[in-house]
Protein backbone atom coordinates (compact mmCIF):
# COMPACT_ATOMS: atom_id res chain seq x y z
CA MET A 1 16.74 42.35 -6.32
CA SER A 2 17.18 38.62 -5.97
CA ASP A 3 17.94 36.39 -8.96
CA HIS A 4 14.49 34.86 -8.54
CA ARG A 5 12.75 38.22 -8.81
CA ALA A 6 15.03 39.40 -11.65
CA ALA A 7 14.45 36.36 -13.89
CA VAL A 8 12.32 37.03 -16.94
CA ARG A 9 8.84 35.68 -16.31
CA HIS A 10 6.66 34.26 -19.03
CA HIS A 11 2.97 34.93 -18.50
CA THR A 12 0.88 31.80 -18.59
CA LEU A 13 -2.45 30.68 -17.25
CA ARG A 14 -2.63 26.95 -16.72
CA THR A 15 -3.88 24.60 -14.09
CA GLY A 16 -1.61 22.70 -11.79
CA MET A 17 -1.31 21.35 -8.26
CA VAL A 18 0.62 22.42 -5.19
CA GLU A 19 1.51 19.31 -3.20
CA PHE A 20 3.05 19.08 0.27
CA ASP A 21 3.29 17.01 3.43
CA ASN A 22 0.96 18.51 6.04
CA GLY A 23 3.31 17.56 8.86
CA THR A 24 1.48 14.38 9.84
CA GLY A 25 2.79 12.29 6.97
CA SER A 26 -0.26 12.93 4.78
CA ILE A 27 0.19 14.47 1.35
CA VAL A 28 -2.11 17.41 0.56
CA SER A 29 -2.81 18.44 -3.04
CA VAL A 30 -4.24 21.90 -3.67
CA PRO A 31 -5.44 22.90 -7.17
CA CYS A 32 -3.88 26.09 -8.47
CA THR A 33 -3.49 28.34 -11.48
CA ILE A 34 0.11 28.83 -12.59
CA ARG A 35 0.22 32.48 -13.64
CA ASP A 36 3.86 33.08 -14.53
CA VAL A 37 6.94 30.90 -14.90
CA SER A 38 10.63 31.60 -15.31
CA GLY A 39 13.82 29.62 -15.10
CA THR A 40 13.90 30.23 -11.35
CA GLY A 41 10.32 29.88 -10.17
CA ALA A 42 6.63 30.47 -10.64
CA ARG A 43 3.82 32.70 -9.43
CA VAL A 44 0.85 30.60 -8.40
CA ALA A 45 -2.75 31.44 -7.49
CA LEU A 46 -4.21 28.87 -5.11
CA ASN A 47 -7.79 27.80 -5.75
CA SER A 48 -8.43 27.66 -1.99
CA SER A 49 -7.16 29.40 1.11
CA ALA A 50 -5.05 26.40 2.13
CA TRP A 51 -1.92 26.98 4.16
CA VAL A 52 1.24 26.16 2.18
CA PRO A 53 4.49 25.28 3.98
CA GLU A 54 7.99 26.54 3.16
CA GLN A 55 8.72 23.47 0.98
CA PHE A 56 6.26 22.14 -1.60
CA SER A 57 6.06 20.60 -5.06
CA LEU A 58 4.50 22.37 -8.03
CA ILE A 59 2.98 19.90 -10.46
CA PHE A 60 2.19 21.10 -13.97
CA SER A 61 -0.75 19.62 -15.91
CA ASN A 62 1.68 17.72 -18.18
CA GLY A 63 3.11 15.89 -15.14
CA LEU A 64 6.28 17.96 -14.71
CA ARG A 65 7.05 18.19 -10.98
CA LYS A 66 9.31 20.92 -9.53
CA GLY A 67 10.36 21.14 -5.89
CA CYS A 68 9.87 24.70 -4.61
CA ARG A 69 10.63 26.93 -1.65
CA LEU A 70 8.03 29.50 -0.65
CA ALA A 71 9.52 32.85 -1.71
CA TRP A 72 6.58 35.09 -0.77
CA ARG A 73 2.87 34.95 -0.03
CA LYS A 74 0.03 37.43 -0.49
CA GLU A 75 -3.32 35.89 0.40
CA ARG A 76 -3.97 33.15 -2.22
CA LEU A 77 -1.09 34.25 -4.45
CA ILE A 78 2.31 32.68 -3.73
CA GLY A 79 5.74 32.87 -5.26
CA GLY A 80 7.65 29.62 -5.49
CA ALA A 81 11.40 29.54 -6.08
CA PHE A 82 12.60 26.30 -7.64
CA ALA A 83 14.55 24.40 -4.99
CA ASP A 84 17.11 23.10 -7.49
CA SER A 85 17.73 26.62 -8.84
CA TYR A 86 17.22 26.99 -12.58
CA ALA A 87 14.80 24.89 -14.58
CA SER A 88 16.42 23.16 -17.53
CA VAL A 89 15.63 24.26 -21.09
CA ASP A 90 13.42 21.16 -21.53
CA GLU A 91 11.59 21.88 -18.27
CA GLN A 92 11.01 25.50 -19.22
CA ALA A 93 9.63 24.39 -22.60
CA ALA A 94 7.26 22.01 -20.81
CA MET A 95 6.08 24.88 -18.59
CA MET A 96 5.05 27.07 -21.53
CA THR A 97 2.39 26.83 -24.21
CA ALA A 98 3.32 26.81 -27.91
CA ASP A 99 2.52 30.56 -28.13
CA GLU A 100 4.67 31.31 -25.10
CA GLN A 101 7.51 29.27 -26.60
CA ALA A 102 7.18 31.19 -29.88
CA ARG A 103 7.43 34.54 -28.03
CA HIS A 104 10.45 33.21 -26.10
CA ARG A 105 12.16 32.10 -29.36
CA LEU A 106 11.44 35.54 -30.86
CA GLY A 107 13.08 37.21 -27.86
CA ILE A 108 16.14 34.98 -28.05
CA GLY A 109 16.45 35.61 -31.78
CA ALA A 110 16.19 39.37 -31.29
CA ARG A 111 18.87 39.32 -28.57
CA VAL A 112 21.18 37.19 -30.76
CA LYS A 113 20.69 39.57 -33.70
CA ALA A 114 21.31 42.66 -31.54
CA ALA A 115 24.48 41.11 -30.07
CA ARG A 116 25.68 40.00 -33.54
CA GLU A 117 25.16 43.48 -34.95
CA ALA A 118 26.83 45.09 -31.91
CA ARG A 119 29.94 42.92 -32.59
CA GLY A 120 29.90 43.95 -36.25
CA TYR A 121 29.21 40.55 -37.84
CA THR A 122 27.10 40.21 -40.95
CA ALA A 123 24.64 37.30 -40.93
CA ALA A 124 26.88 35.47 -43.44
CA GLN A 125 30.05 35.97 -41.35
CA PHE A 126 28.20 34.86 -38.23
CA ALA A 127 26.84 31.74 -39.96
CA GLU A 128 30.32 30.82 -41.16
CA ARG A 129 31.78 31.13 -37.65
CA LEU A 130 28.98 28.96 -36.26
CA SER A 131 29.23 26.39 -39.08
CA VAL A 132 25.57 26.84 -39.98
CA THR A 133 23.81 28.21 -43.04
CA PRO A 134 22.87 31.89 -43.36
CA ALA A 135 19.27 30.67 -43.74
CA PHE A 136 19.43 29.10 -40.25
CA VAL A 137 20.77 32.37 -38.80
CA ALA A 138 17.90 34.28 -40.44
CA LEU A 139 15.27 31.84 -39.16
CA ALA A 140 16.77 31.79 -35.65
CA GLU A 141 16.96 35.59 -35.46
CA GLN A 142 13.31 35.81 -36.56
CA GLY A 143 12.29 33.34 -33.85
CA GLU A 144 11.27 30.71 -36.38
CA ALA A 145 13.93 28.12 -35.46
CA ASP A 146 15.00 26.67 -32.13
CA ILE A 147 18.65 27.26 -31.30
CA PRO A 148 20.07 24.24 -29.47
CA LEU A 149 21.68 24.93 -26.09
CA TYR A 150 25.18 23.95 -27.27
CA GLN A 151 24.78 26.44 -30.14
CA LEU A 152 23.56 29.18 -27.77
CA MET A 153 26.66 28.59 -25.62
CA HIS A 154 28.86 28.93 -28.71
CA ILE A 155 27.00 32.09 -29.76
CA ALA A 156 27.43 33.63 -26.29
CA ASP A 157 31.18 32.91 -26.40
CA LEU A 158 31.57 34.21 -29.94
CA LEU A 159 29.62 37.41 -29.26
CA MET A 160 31.16 37.86 -25.78
CA VAL A 161 27.80 38.05 -24.01
CA SER A 162 26.33 35.96 -21.20
CA LEU A 163 24.19 32.95 -21.96
CA ASP A 164 21.64 34.29 -19.46
CA GLY A 165 21.55 37.55 -21.37
CA LEU A 166 20.79 35.76 -24.64
CA VAL A 167 18.10 33.54 -23.16
CA ALA A 168 16.43 35.84 -20.66
CA GLY A 169 17.79 39.36 -21.07
CA PRO A 170 15.75 42.37 -22.10
CA VAL A 171 14.33 42.22 -25.61
CA PRO A 172 15.51 45.01 -27.94
CA GLU A 173 12.85 47.73 -28.11
CA ASP A 174 12.23 47.41 -31.86
CA VAL A 175 11.01 43.81 -31.50
CA ASP A 176 7.41 42.90 -30.73
CA ALA A 177 7.84 39.86 -28.49
CA GLY A 178 4.36 40.04 -27.00
């Protein structure tokens, strides 16, 4: 399975535009519904049966523009892989609604807690090693606080897990992230 297919997708339904050069120098914009996003791409339902070339731009309703490669096509449904590989944390946040971001935070918190417990750290010991308060650890593990990227990198190193695993790995079964 490719990295693009393996990336955790966040279900969303929002309007956007697929934009491309039609080969004659004219730019074509096709309305679409963005159905799922991940750090590596998006699944898009076109609102018309327009042909889409191998390279196109996906424009989110908030103005975020991502260059994409056509990964697959099934009638009006297309998969776009981000041309510059992974979307940044800020870009991913802009691609998701507040509810989707909350579910994502909950998943990250659950993975951090599971990794912390697997390494045998109490919340207080973990907080001390991260130079944060135990209250912040509790809020982060409950998905109620954003963990900055530099802190996630430190957590991954401390717990000897991958950053990708913390951000987009499977959510422990005892957590309701949906």
